[in-house]
Amino acid sequence: MTRRRFLQHLMTWSALFAQPSSGIFAQTQTSRDGFLAASGNVLRDNHGKGNIVRLRGVNLGGWLEWQSWMCPFDTEGSDEIKDLNQGHNGYDFGVWKLLSGRFNTKVANRLIRVYEDSWITQTDIDNIQKLGFNAVRLSFAYDTLKNRDGSWRDDAFGCMDWLVENAWKRGIYTILDFHAWLPPEANQNGSAEGYWANPSEMSETVSIWRKIASHYRGNAAVAMYDLLNEPNNSIAKRSQIAPSAETVQALYDRIYHAIREADPDHIIAMEGMWGWDTLRNPRKAGYENVVYSFHWYDWWSKDTASRKTAIDDNIAQFTTKYRDWNTPCYVGEFNLFGDEAAWRYAIDSMDKAGISWTIWTYKCTEGGDNSWGVYTTIPGKTPPTPNLVRDSASEIQAKWSAWKTDGGGFALNPLYERLFSGGD
């Protein structure tokens, strides 16, 4: 399908787009033009002139960017497979390097595509729709788009386009999240040795976003561009220091203007992550059509009461700030760690405050009584995990092919079933 036909196809679905009602929240009907834009402190369709739309959905982590705790692979502790940073920018490169070293580049790419074609399928998008969600945050990586030498992949937008198109057919917006944004061998250290002191690496990030914006210009199925996942989240235990707020702001500013040169219409989301210090007053910065995004992981609270207090504090801070700055807020990731009462309270509170949100995450290999995955593994029924160090290419392919959500090894997390499927 040509890009012109692809965009025409999506705009046809835009005309038919409507949000279903389901679960514990009420959806908002959209008008015939589903293209979202910021309008004051809310999102509206019809390029910001239509009905208010609050996005409620889920992340697709572990699909186009890899994390060892949520993806099915065993490397026997290989040094090549490691998380270089808290922002999860190491596994993708490591998996590809290991497979290409054992076999060759062509085989490595084929095996990874087998994984991608199995991990998320049409069934998964159907599942997301049935839960009443109207948004997915699509986490992608540097190597989703580029080869290790910096050249663009021939199939750079293949999986992303597939997801954007098929989600939109079901009335679901896609948020494009540059999750693993560091180039090969880079690190998130804010010191002189890190990415934040490397002009060429930062310039490459800017150019990547310019191309993404050119590719999706005019595409109503894309809700917003989420520029950098957790840019100021470095690892103290590795003696990494976080970049200054001014350094992150400067890069945000460069990306913002690069995108606007290519795409004047899409929402641009900038992450403050834990708070507002990394962000600028949009009026003073000259920003238009922006959303400010945060991640809620209350690691410290031990009971429902303390979690509710933390939620209240966040809501109060967000409500005051986004009204002062007249900017919509979006919680891109959050988890209440299996506390159903806290989950209900958080969702209800965000809904009342007009805050959009996406849960981390749709699917992961970590089972048990937790809320990390909307779909989690069933003990004793999971497919075999490929050993990337010892298994043959055919064995790896066969094992990864079995990791489909509807293959018998996954089930809807009961907590999410009660929250969003009307269960008791």
Protein backbone atom coordinates (compact mmCIF):
# COMPACT_ATOMS: atom_id res chain seq x y z
CA MET A 1 0.00 0.00 0.00
CA THR A 2 1.39 3.41 -0.90
CA ARG A 3 1.63 6.08 1.74
CA ARG A 4 -1.01 8.16 -0.09
CA ARG A 5 -3.46 5.26 -0.10
CA PHE A 6 -2.56 4.49 3.52
CA LEU A 7 -3.44 8.03 4.63
CA GLN A 8 -6.65 8.01 2.59
CA HIS A 9 -7.59 4.72 4.22
CA LEU A 10 -7.01 6.13 7.69
CA MET A 11 -9.04 9.26 6.98
CA THR A 12 -11.93 7.06 5.89
CA TRP A 13 -11.82 5.42 9.31
CA SER A 14 -11.55 8.86 10.88
CA ALA A 15 -14.97 9.70 9.47
CA LEU A 16 -16.42 6.57 11.09
CA PHE A 17 -14.57 6.90 14.37
CA ALA A 18 -16.53 6.66 17.62
CA GLN A 19 -15.44 5.60 21.09
CA PRO A 20 -17.24 2.72 22.83
CA SER A 21 -18.47 2.77 26.40
CA SER A 22 -17.11 0.14 28.76
CA GLY A 23 -15.88 -0.54 32.26
CA ILE A 24 -15.81 1.99 35.06
CA PHE A 25 -15.51 5.12 32.97
CA ALA A 26 -17.62 6.77 30.31
CA GLN A 27 -16.07 7.47 26.93
CA THR A 28 -16.58 10.67 24.99
CA GLN A 29 -18.01 10.52 21.50
CA THR A 30 -15.90 12.23 18.86
CA SER A 31 -17.05 14.23 15.89
CA ARG A 32 -16.41 13.17 12.30
CA ASP A 33 -12.89 14.60 12.30
CA GLY A 34 -10.88 12.63 14.84
CA PHE A 35 -7.69 14.70 14.55
CA LEU A 36 -6.73 15.67 18.12
CA ALA A 37 -5.24 18.95 19.29
CA ALA A 38 -4.75 20.66 22.63
CA SER A 39 -7.38 23.26 23.42
CA GLY A 40 -6.60 25.00 26.67
CA ASN A 41 -6.11 22.26 29.23
CA VAL A 42 -8.12 19.60 27.37
CA LEU A 43 -7.85 17.60 24.17
CA ARG A 44 -10.45 18.09 21.46
CA ASP A 45 -11.02 16.41 18.12
CA ASN A 46 -11.62 18.30 14.86
CA HIS A 47 -8.13 19.87 15.15
CA GLY A 48 -8.94 21.23 18.60
CA LYS A 49 -12.35 22.66 17.73
CA GLY A 50 -14.61 19.68 18.40
CA ASN A 51 -15.56 17.51 21.34
CA ILE A 52 -13.39 16.89 24.38
CA VAL A 53 -11.54 13.57 24.16
CA ARG A 54 -9.85 11.97 27.17
CA LEU A 55 -7.43 9.23 26.25
CA ARG A 56 -7.53 6.07 28.35
CA GLY A 57 -5.45 3.16 27.31
CA VAL A 58 -2.41 0.99 27.66
CA ASN A 59 1.26 0.86 26.68
CA LEU A 60 2.61 -1.68 24.23
CA GLY A 61 5.90 -2.11 26.01
CA GLY A 62 8.14 -5.05 25.17
CA TRP A 63 7.11 -5.21 21.53
CA LEU A 64 9.29 -2.80 19.54
CA GLU A 65 11.54 -2.09 22.52
CA TRP A 66 12.77 -4.91 24.72
CA GLN A 67 13.08 -5.32 28.47
CA SER A 68 14.37 -8.52 30.02
CA TRP A 69 11.75 -8.75 32.77
CA MET A 70 8.83 -8.63 30.34
CA CYS A 71 10.11 -10.28 27.13
CA PRO A 72 10.64 -14.03 26.57
CA PHE A 73 14.35 -14.64 26.07
CA ASP A 74 17.15 -16.32 27.99
CA THR A 75 20.77 -15.28 27.48
CA GLU A 76 22.34 -17.07 30.45
CA GLY A 77 23.51 -13.76 31.85
CA SER A 78 25.41 -12.75 28.72
CA ASP A 79 27.24 -9.43 29.09
CA GLU A 80 25.97 -8.46 25.65
CA ILE A 81 22.39 -8.31 26.93
CA LYS A 82 22.07 -5.57 29.50
CA ASP A 83 20.01 -2.55 30.35
CA LEU A 84 22.41 0.32 29.80
CA ASN A 85 20.16 2.82 31.53
CA GLN A 86 17.05 3.19 33.61
CA GLY A 87 15.39 4.30 30.38
CA HIS A 88 15.76 0.76 28.94
CA ASN A 89 18.13 1.44 26.08
CA GLY A 90 20.24 -1.67 25.92
CA TYR A 91 18.31 -4.86 25.34
CA ASP A 92 17.33 -4.10 21.75
CA PHE A 93 20.89 -3.65 20.61
CA GLY A 94 22.09 -6.57 22.70
CA VAL A 95 19.57 -9.07 21.35
CA TRP A 96 20.31 -8.09 17.76
CA LYS A 97 24.07 -8.18 18.31
CA LEU A 98 23.94 -11.61 19.92
CA LEU A 99 21.76 -13.12 17.19
CA SER A 100 23.65 -11.54 14.31
CA GLY A 101 26.94 -12.70 15.84
CA ARG A 102 25.74 -16.27 16.21
CA PHE A 103 24.04 -16.42 12.81
CA ASN A 104 24.09 -13.37 10.52
CA THR A 105 22.30 -10.07 10.08
CA LYS A 106 19.61 -11.49 7.82
CA VAL A 107 18.75 -14.30 10.24
CA ALA A 108 18.79 -11.96 13.24
CA ASN A 109 16.35 -9.60 11.53
CA ARG A 110 14.11 -12.49 10.55
CA LEU A 111 13.98 -13.90 14.07
CA ILE A 112 13.22 -10.54 15.60
CA ARG A 113 10.40 -10.05 13.10
CA VAL A 114 9.00 -13.45 14.08
CA TYR A 115 8.92 -12.24 17.67
CA GLU A 116 7.22 -8.97 16.69
CA ASP A 117 4.61 -10.76 14.56
CA SER A 118 3.76 -13.05 17.47
CA TRP A 119 3.91 -10.72 20.48
CA ILE A 120 1.28 -8.30 19.14
CA THR A 121 -1.38 -9.43 16.65
CA GLN A 122 -4.84 -8.40 15.51
CA THR A 123 -6.21 -10.32 18.50
CA ASP A 124 -4.36 -8.04 20.87
CA ILE A 125 -5.85 -4.92 19.32
CA ASP A 126 -9.27 -6.56 19.60
CA ASN A 127 -8.57 -7.23 23.28
CA ILE A 128 -7.67 -3.59 23.85
CA GLN A 129 -10.85 -2.46 22.15
CA LYS A 130 -13.00 -4.85 24.20
CA LEU A 131 -11.63 -3.34 27.40
CA GLY A 132 -12.97 0.03 26.29
CA PHE A 133 -9.59 1.67 25.77
CA ASN A 134 -9.29 4.37 23.12
CA ALA A 135 -5.49 4.76 23.09
CA VAL A 136 -2.27 2.79 22.91
CA ARG A 137 1.14 4.22 23.70
CA LEU A 138 3.42 2.57 21.17
CA SER A 139 6.92 2.33 22.62
CA PHE A 140 9.57 2.09 19.93
CA ALA A 141 13.36 2.11 19.89
CA TYR A 142 16.22 3.59 17.93
CA ASP A 143 16.71 0.25 16.20
CA THR A 144 13.03 0.12 15.25
CA LEU A 145 13.91 2.76 12.71
CA LYS A 146 17.68 2.66 12.18
CA ASN A 147 20.50 0.20 11.73
CA ARG A 148 23.47 0.25 14.08
CA ASP A 149 25.50 2.22 11.53
CA GLY A 150 22.92 5.02 11.59
CA SER A 151 21.34 4.23 8.21
CA TRP A 152 17.57 3.99 7.99
CA ARG A 153 16.04 0.52 7.87
CA ASP A 154 14.11 -0.38 4.73
CA ASP A 155 11.20 -1.48 6.93
CA ALA A 156 11.59 1.37 9.44
CA PHE A 157 7.88 2.17 9.72
CA GLY A 158 6.49 -1.28 8.94
CA CYS A 159 5.33 -2.35 12.41
CA MET A 160 4.42 1.16 13.46
CA ASP A 161 2.24 1.73 10.39
CA TRP A 162 0.57 -1.64 10.90
CA LEU A 163 -0.32 -0.78 14.48
CA VAL A 164 -1.47 2.76 13.70
CA GLU A 165 -3.75 1.54 10.91
CA ASN A 166 -5.25 -1.44 12.72
CA ALA A 167 -5.77 0.41 15.99
CA TRP A 168 -7.56 3.20 14.15
CA LYS A 169 -9.91 0.71 12.50
CA ARG A 170 -11.08 -0.06 16.03
CA GLY A 171 -11.39 3.56 17.14
CA ILE A 172 -8.08 3.55 19.00
CA TYR A 173 -5.56 6.39 18.84
CA THR A 174 -1.82 5.72 18.83
CA ILE A 175 0.67 7.73 20.89
CA LEU A 176 4.16 7.40 19.44
CA ASP A 177 6.62 7.05 22.32
CA PHE A 178 10.35 7.21 21.56
CA HIS A 179 11.08 4.94 24.48
CA ALA A 180 14.58 3.61 23.80
CA TRP A 181 15.94 6.72 22.14
CA LEU A 182 19.66 6.40 22.80
CA PRO A 183 21.79 5.43 19.79
CA PRO A 184 24.17 2.44 19.96
CA GLU A 185 26.80 2.55 22.71
CA ALA A 186 25.39 5.78 24.17
CA ASN A 187 24.49 6.13 27.83
CA GLN A 188 22.11 8.35 29.71
CA ASN A 189 24.75 9.84 31.97
CA GLY A 190 24.44 13.58 32.37
CA SER A 191 28.20 13.92 32.77
CA ALA A 192 30.72 14.84 30.09
CA GLU A 193 30.90 11.20 28.94
CA GLY A 194 27.18 10.81 28.31
CA TYR A 195 24.59 11.44 25.63
CA TRP A 196 23.70 14.83 27.05
CA ALA A 197 27.17 16.17 26.27
CA ASN A 198 27.31 14.67 22.78
CA PRO A 199 26.01 17.14 20.14
CA SER A 200 26.01 14.63 17.29
CA GLU A 201 23.92 12.08 19.22
CA MET A 202 21.38 14.70 20.22
CA SER A 203 21.26 16.04 16.67
CA GLU A 204 20.48 12.56 15.42
CA THR A 205 17.53 12.37 17.84
CA VAL A 206 16.25 15.64 16.42
CA SER A 207 16.57 14.38 12.84
CA ILE A 208 14.78 11.13 13.69
CA TRP A 209 11.81 13.04 15.02
CA ARG A 210 11.77 15.27 11.94
CA LYS A 211 11.44 12.19 9.74
CA ILE A 212 8.77 10.61 11.96
CA ALA A 213 6.76 13.83 11.81
CA SER A 214 7.07 13.97 8.03
CA HIS A 215 5.91 10.36 7.79
CA TYR A 216 2.79 10.82 9.95
CA ARG A 217 1.87 14.36 8.96
CA GLY A 218 -1.88 14.62 8.45
CA ASN A 219 -2.59 11.22 10.00
CA ALA A 220 -5.49 11.57 12.42
CA ALA A 221 -4.87 8.10 13.88
CA VAL A 222 -1.77 9.40 15.67
CA ALA A 223 -2.76 11.24 18.82
CA MET A 224 0.62 12.74 19.72
CA TYR A 225 4.39 12.47 19.58
CA ASP A 226 5.89 11.56 22.99
CA LEU A 227 9.41 12.90 22.48
CA LEU A 228 11.70 11.17 25.01
CA ASN A 229 10.88 8.51 27.57
CA GLU A 230 12.13 9.46 31.04
CA PRO A 231 14.97 11.68 29.81
CA ASN A 232 16.14 12.66 33.29
CA ASN A 233 16.02 9.18 34.83
CA SER A 234 19.67 8.20 35.28
CA ILE A 235 21.01 5.53 37.62
CA ALA A 236 22.69 6.65 40.82
CA LYS A 237 24.04 3.19 41.60
CA ARG A 238 26.03 3.32 38.37
CA SER A 239 27.38 6.75 39.25
CA GLN A 240 25.32 8.32 36.51
CA ILE A 241 24.14 11.83 37.13
CA ALA A 242 20.93 13.16 35.69
CA PRO A 243 21.11 15.88 33.05
CA SER A 244 20.14 19.35 34.20
CA ALA A 245 16.62 20.55 33.56
CA GLU A 246 18.04 23.21 31.25
CA THR A 247 19.84 20.58 29.16
CA VAL A 248 16.68 18.54 28.69
CA GLN A 249 14.65 21.66 27.97
CA ALA A 250 17.12 22.71 25.29
CA LEU A 251 16.76 19.38 23.50
CA TYR A 252 12.98 19.45 23.82
CA ASP A 253 13.06 22.90 22.23
CA ARG A 254 15.14 21.67 19.29
CA ILE A 255 12.89 18.66 18.71
CA TYR A 256 9.76 20.80 19.00
CA HIS A 257 10.89 23.19 16.28
CA ALA A 258 12.13 20.38 14.03
CA ILE A 259 8.75 18.66 14.24
CA ARG A 260 6.90 21.89 13.60
CA GLU A 261 8.89 22.40 10.41
CA ALA A 262 7.65 19.02 9.17
CA ASP A 263 4.26 18.77 10.85
CA PRO A 264 2.35 21.81 12.10
CA ASP A 265 -0.63 19.90 13.45
CA HIS A 266 0.16 16.96 15.75
CA ILE A 267 0.29 17.27 19.52
CA ILE A 268 3.79 17.17 20.99
CA ALA A 269 4.13 15.54 24.42
CA MET A 270 7.06 16.43 26.66
CA GLU A 271 7.75 14.33 29.75
CA GLY A 272 8.40 15.89 33.10
CA MET A 273 8.25 12.32 34.34
CA TRP A 274 8.17 12.72 38.12
CA GLY A 275 7.47 16.46 38.28
CA TRP A 276 7.35 19.79 36.48
CA ASP A 277 10.98 20.91 36.88
CA THR A 278 12.03 19.66 33.44
CA LEU A 279 9.24 21.58 31.71
CA ARG A 280 8.79 25.18 30.65
CA ASN A 281 5.79 27.45 30.69
CA PRO A 282 4.54 26.90 27.12
CA ARG A 283 3.61 30.54 26.65
CA LYS A 284 7.13 31.69 27.54
CA ALA A 285 8.67 28.93 25.41
CA GLY A 286 6.47 29.77 22.44
CA TYR A 287 4.97 26.27 22.33
CA GLU A 288 1.57 25.52 20.86
CA ASN A 289 -0.42 22.29 20.88
CA VAL A 290 1.67 20.58 23.56
CA VAL A 291 0.82 18.09 26.30
CA TYR A 292 2.88 17.61 29.47
CA SER A 293 3.33 14.01 30.54
CA PHE A 294 4.25 12.25 33.78
CA HIS A 295 4.81 8.74 35.14
CA TRP A 296 3.22 7.61 38.38
CA TYR A 297 5.08 4.88 40.22
CA ASP A 298 4.55 5.26 43.92
CA TRP A 299 7.19 2.80 45.08
CA TRP A 300 7.09 3.99 48.68
CA SER A 301 3.45 3.66 49.74
CA LYS A 302 2.62 0.43 51.55
CA ASP A 303 -1.16 0.53 51.80
CA THR A 304 -4.26 1.88 50.08
CA ALA A 305 -4.55 4.94 52.30
CA SER A 306 -1.03 6.14 51.55
CA ARG A 307 -1.48 5.46 47.84
CA LYS A 308 -4.67 7.53 47.83
CA THR A 309 -2.81 10.36 49.54
CA ALA A 310 -0.09 10.22 46.89
CA ILE A 311 -2.73 10.27 44.15
CA ASP A 312 -4.42 13.28 45.74
CA ASP A 313 -1.08 15.11 45.93
CA ASN A 314 -0.32 14.41 42.28
CA ILE A 315 -3.78 15.42 41.13
CA ALA A 316 -3.62 18.66 43.12
CA GLN A 317 -0.22 19.55 41.71
CA PHE A 318 -1.21 18.68 38.16
CA THR A 319 -4.55 20.45 38.34
CA THR A 320 -2.99 23.67 39.61
CA LYS A 321 -0.11 23.65 37.18
CA TYR A 322 -1.90 22.69 34.01
CA ARG A 323 -4.55 25.28 34.69
CA ASP A 324 -1.91 27.93 35.34
CA TRP A 325 -0.08 26.95 32.16
CA ASN A 326 -3.30 26.12 30.27
CA THR A 327 -1.84 22.81 29.08
CA PRO A 328 -3.36 19.31 29.10
CA CYS A 329 -1.77 16.63 31.29
CA TYR A 330 -1.23 13.00 30.44
CA VAL A 331 -0.03 10.19 32.72
CA GLY A 332 1.91 8.06 30.25
CA GLU A 333 2.76 5.25 32.68
CA PHE A 334 1.47 4.20 36.08
CA ASN A 335 0.87 1.19 38.29
CA LEU A 336 -0.87 0.73 41.62
CA PHE A 337 0.81 -2.65 42.27
CA GLY A 338 -2.25 -4.87 42.53
CA ASP A 339 -4.13 -2.58 44.95
CA GLU A 340 -7.60 -2.66 43.42
CA ALA A 341 -9.07 0.04 45.66
CA ALA A 342 -6.18 2.35 44.81
CA TRP A 343 -6.61 1.56 41.11
CA ARG A 344 -10.26 2.54 41.19
CA TYR A 345 -9.48 5.69 43.13
CA ALA A 346 -6.69 6.72 40.75
CA ILE A 347 -8.73 6.18 37.60
CA ASP A 348 -11.74 7.97 39.04
CA SER A 349 -9.56 10.87 40.21
CA MET A 350 -7.82 11.25 36.84
CA ASP A 351 -11.16 11.05 35.05
CA LYS A 352 -12.65 13.81 37.20
CA ALA A 353 -9.56 15.96 36.71
CA GLY A 354 -9.67 15.49 32.92
CA ILE A 355 -6.26 13.76 32.78
CA SER A 356 -5.56 11.22 30.04
CA TRP A 357 -3.65 8.05 30.93
CA THR A 358 -2.11 4.82 29.67
CA ILE A 359 -1.29 1.82 31.87
CA TRP A 360 2.12 0.17 31.85
CA THR A 361 1.71 -2.33 30.23
CA TYR A 362 -0.48 -4.51 27.99
CA LYS A 363 1.49 -7.76 28.18
CA CYS A 364 4.48 -9.18 30.01
CA THR A 365 5.99 -12.52 30.96
CA GLU A 366 5.89 -11.72 34.67
CA GLY A 367 2.86 -13.50 36.08
CA GLY A 368 1.49 -13.65 39.61
CA ASP A 369 -0.78 -11.43 41.64
CA ASN A 370 0.32 -8.03 40.37
CA SER A 371 -0.84 -5.42 37.90
CA TRP A 372 2.18 -5.08 35.63
CA GLY A 373 0.47 -6.73 32.68
CA VAL A 374 -3.12 -6.43 31.50
CA TYR A 375 -2.41 -9.87 30.07
CA THR A 376 -0.06 -12.04 32.09
CA THR A 377 1.29 -15.56 31.82
CA ILE A 378 -0.52 -18.59 33.19
CA PRO A 379 1.77 -20.66 35.45
CA GLY A 380 2.63 -23.99 33.89
CA LYS A 381 1.17 -23.09 30.50
CA THR A 382 3.67 -20.66 29.04
CA PRO A 383 5.50 -21.58 25.85
CA PRO A 384 9.20 -22.45 26.13
CA THR A 385 11.52 -19.45 26.32
CA PRO A 386 14.17 -19.37 23.59
CA ASN A 387 17.76 -19.55 24.73
CA LEU A 388 19.49 -17.05 22.47
CA VAL A 389 22.92 -18.41 23.41
CA ARG A 390 22.35 -22.12 22.72
CA ASP A 391 19.20 -22.67 20.63
CA SER A 392 19.40 -23.01 16.88
CA ALA A 393 17.76 -20.40 14.67
CA SER A 394 14.91 -22.78 13.89
CA GLU A 395 14.37 -23.48 17.60
CA ILE A 396 14.31 -19.77 18.44
CA GLN A 397 11.85 -19.14 15.63
CA ALA A 398 9.55 -21.95 16.75
CA LYS A 399 9.59 -20.81 20.36
CA TRP A 400 8.98 -17.13 19.65
CA SER A 401 6.17 -18.04 17.26
CA ALA A 402 4.31 -19.61 20.20
CA TRP A 403 4.22 -16.44 22.32
CA LYS A 404 0.91 -15.15 20.98
CA THR A 405 -1.54 -13.86 23.56
CA ASP A 406 -4.23 -16.26 22.36
CA GLY A 407 -1.84 -19.22 22.24
CA GLY A 408 -2.90 -20.59 25.61
CA GLY A 409 -0.15 -19.21 27.81
CA PHE A 410 -1.72 -15.82 28.62
CA ALA A 411 -4.89 -14.69 30.35
CA LEU A 412 -6.54 -11.38 31.15
CA ASN A 413 -5.35 -10.27 34.56
CA PRO A 414 -8.37 -10.70 36.90
CA LEU A 415 -7.81 -7.25 38.37
CA TYR A 416 -8.11 -5.60 34.97
CA GLU A 417 -11.07 -7.79 34.10
CA ARG A 418 -12.89 -6.45 37.14
CA LEU A 419 -11.84 -2.86 36.43
CA PHE A 420 -12.65 -2.68 32.74
CA SER A 421 -14.90 -5.58 31.77
CA GLY A 422 -17.66 -5.02 34.26
CA GLY A 423 -16.64 -8.02 36.33
CA ASP A 424 -17.29 -8.33 40.04
